[in-house]
Amino acid sequence: MEMSFGERFARTWAAGLAGLGLFTLMALVAAPGGLFPLLAVAQVLALSAYFRRRALHDAAHRRRALEDERDRALLALGDRAFRLAASTWMVGMALALAIAPSRELLLAPPLRVPGLLLLGVIVAQLAGHGAVAVAYRRDRA
């Protein structure tokens, strides 16, 4: 059975976000490399909504059924996973910045906190797309 647009997009974007997360972890968190990697990651995240619209537009030209109520329900599940992961990450960041020893560790390199904030968005998006991909897999089985 052929994968639906939503499942294909969720799997592809989850894999891409995993790679982007590893890059962010290495280039911005472990050894902050400067402004260029930060701007590159921020640009990819800013374009993520465009990527989905573009993929949806391309699929529409192939005249396939794109999304129905089931797809919208699965996307809502992904949205909930995104919000939960983003909220948890931000609370963790707030707690880490509130405790003096971890605050000193986080604030030592100049771009570590912005890198961690972007990494939090990446992790939240990965959680959302991963939840959608798993939900499609369960729904198909």
Protein backbone atom coordinates (compact mmCIF):
# COMPACT_ATOMS: atom_id res chain seq x y z
CA MET A 1 0.00 0.00 0.00
CA GLU A 2 1.32 3.39 -0.96
CA MET A 3 2.09 5.89 1.80
CA SER A 4 -0.12 8.94 2.05
CA PHE A 5 1.31 12.42 1.61
CA GLY A 6 1.19 13.10 5.35
CA GLU A 7 3.01 9.91 6.27
CA ARG A 8 5.67 10.39 3.60
CA PHE A 9 6.23 14.01 4.65
CA ALA A 10 6.37 13.15 8.37
CA ARG A 11 8.96 10.41 7.82
CA THR A 12 11.11 12.51 5.50
CA TRP A 13 11.01 15.60 7.68
CA ALA A 14 11.68 13.58 10.86
CA ALA A 15 14.82 12.16 9.26
CA GLY A 16 15.90 15.63 8.12
CA LEU A 17 15.29 17.07 11.57
CA ALA A 18 17.34 14.32 13.18
CA GLY A 19 20.28 15.34 10.99
CA LEU A 20 19.70 19.02 11.67
CA GLY A 21 19.52 18.27 15.40
CA LEU A 22 22.87 16.47 15.31
CA PHE A 23 24.43 19.36 13.40
CA THR A 24 23.01 21.85 15.90
CA LEU A 25 24.25 19.79 18.82
CA MET A 26 27.77 19.66 17.39
CA ALA A 27 28.06 23.13 15.83
CA LEU A 28 26.13 25.23 18.34
CA VAL A 29 25.95 23.45 21.68
CA ALA A 30 29.01 21.22 22.18
CA ALA A 31 31.49 23.59 20.56
CA PRO A 32 29.75 26.83 19.56
CA GLY A 33 31.12 27.66 16.13
CA GLY A 34 29.98 31.21 15.67
CA LEU A 35 27.19 33.12 14.06
CA PHE A 36 27.11 31.33 10.68
CA PRO A 37 25.92 27.91 11.96
CA LEU A 38 23.35 29.66 14.15
CA LEU A 39 21.95 31.61 11.19
CA ALA A 40 21.98 28.50 8.97
CA VAL A 41 19.93 26.47 11.46
CA ALA A 42 17.55 29.38 12.09
CA GLN A 43 17.01 29.77 8.34
CA VAL A 44 16.17 26.08 7.87
CA LEU A 45 13.70 26.23 10.76
CA ALA A 46 12.11 29.39 9.39
CA LEU A 47 11.63 27.69 6.02
CA SER A 48 10.06 24.53 7.48
CA ALA A 49 6.49 25.78 6.94
CA TYR A 50 7.38 26.61 3.32
CA PHE A 51 8.76 23.08 2.81
CA ARG A 52 5.41 21.54 3.79
CA ARG A 53 3.39 23.92 1.62
CA ARG A 54 5.70 23.27 -1.34
CA ALA A 55 5.48 19.49 -0.92
CA LEU A 56 1.69 19.71 -0.64
CA HIS A 57 1.57 21.85 -3.79
CA ASP A 58 3.76 19.37 -5.71
CA ALA A 59 1.61 16.45 -4.59
CA ALA A 60 -1.54 18.31 -5.67
CA HIS A 61 -0.19 18.54 -9.22
CA ARG A 62 0.00 14.75 -9.32
CA ARG A 63 -3.76 14.74 -8.67
CA ARG A 64 -3.72 12.51 -5.63
CA ALA A 65 -5.99 12.65 -2.62
CA LEU A 66 -3.88 14.68 -0.20
CA GLU A 67 -5.49 14.94 3.20
CA ASP A 68 -8.74 13.87 4.82
CA GLU A 69 -10.18 13.83 8.34
CA ARG A 70 -7.89 10.99 9.39
CA ASP A 71 -4.84 12.98 8.27
CA ARG A 72 -6.03 16.05 10.16
CA ALA A 73 -6.53 13.96 13.32
CA LEU A 74 -3.02 12.55 13.01
CA LEU A 75 -1.60 16.04 12.43
CA ALA A 76 -3.40 17.21 15.57
CA LEU A 77 -1.64 14.42 17.47
CA GLY A 78 1.67 15.68 16.10
CA ASP A 79 0.80 19.24 17.13
CA ARG A 80 0.15 18.04 20.69
CA ALA A 81 3.48 16.19 20.75
CA PHE A 82 5.22 19.34 19.45
CA ARG A 83 3.66 21.53 22.13
CA LEU A 84 4.50 19.05 24.90
CA ALA A 85 8.12 18.70 23.78
CA ALA A 86 8.59 22.47 23.31
CA SER A 87 7.07 23.25 26.70
CA THR A 88 9.16 20.61 28.44
CA TRP A 89 12.34 21.88 26.77
CA MET A 90 11.64 25.49 27.75
CA VAL A 91 10.87 24.55 31.37
CA GLY A 92 14.12 22.58 31.45
CA MET A 93 16.02 25.57 30.06
CA ALA A 94 14.43 27.87 32.63
CA LEU A 95 15.38 25.52 35.46
CA ALA A 96 18.92 25.13 34.14
CA LEU A 97 19.32 28.91 33.96
CA ALA A 98 17.90 29.32 37.46
CA ILE A 99 20.52 27.06 39.05
CA ALA A 100 23.89 28.82 39.41
CA PRO A 101 26.31 25.99 38.44
CA SER A 102 24.39 25.03 35.30
CA ARG A 103 23.83 28.71 34.44
CA GLU A 104 27.58 29.32 34.47
CA LEU A 105 28.13 26.29 32.24
CA LEU A 106 25.42 27.41 29.79
CA LEU A 107 26.52 31.03 29.63
CA ALA A 108 30.27 30.37 29.24
CA PRO A 109 30.38 30.20 25.40
CA PRO A 110 28.54 33.15 23.83
CA LEU A 111 26.18 31.23 21.50
CA ARG A 112 25.37 28.16 23.61
CA VAL A 113 21.98 29.40 24.87
CA PRO A 114 20.72 30.43 21.41
CA GLY A 115 21.94 27.06 20.13
CA LEU A 116 20.06 25.24 22.87
CA LEU A 117 16.91 27.23 22.13
CA LEU A 118 17.11 26.28 18.44
CA LEU A 119 17.86 22.70 19.40
CA GLY A 120 14.69 22.76 21.52
CA VAL A 121 12.63 23.80 18.49
CA ILE A 122 14.25 21.04 16.43
CA VAL A 123 13.56 18.43 19.13
CA ALA A 124 9.95 19.61 19.40
CA GLN A 125 9.47 19.41 15.62
CA LEU A 126 11.10 15.99 15.59
CA ALA A 127 8.71 14.86 18.34
CA GLY A 128 5.73 16.16 16.35
CA HIS A 129 6.72 14.61 13.03
CA GLY A 130 7.82 11.41 14.74
CA ALA A 131 4.45 11.13 16.48
CA VAL A 132 2.66 11.60 13.15
CA ALA A 133 4.85 8.98 11.42
CA VAL A 134 4.25 6.46 14.24
CA ALA A 135 0.50 7.19 14.20
CA TYR A 136 0.36 6.57 10.45
CA ARG A 137 2.26 3.32 10.91
CA ARG A 138 -0.14 2.14 13.64
CA ASP A 139 -3.16 3.22 11.60
CA ARG A 140 -1.96 1.28 8.60
CA ALA A 141 -1.26 -1.92 10.56
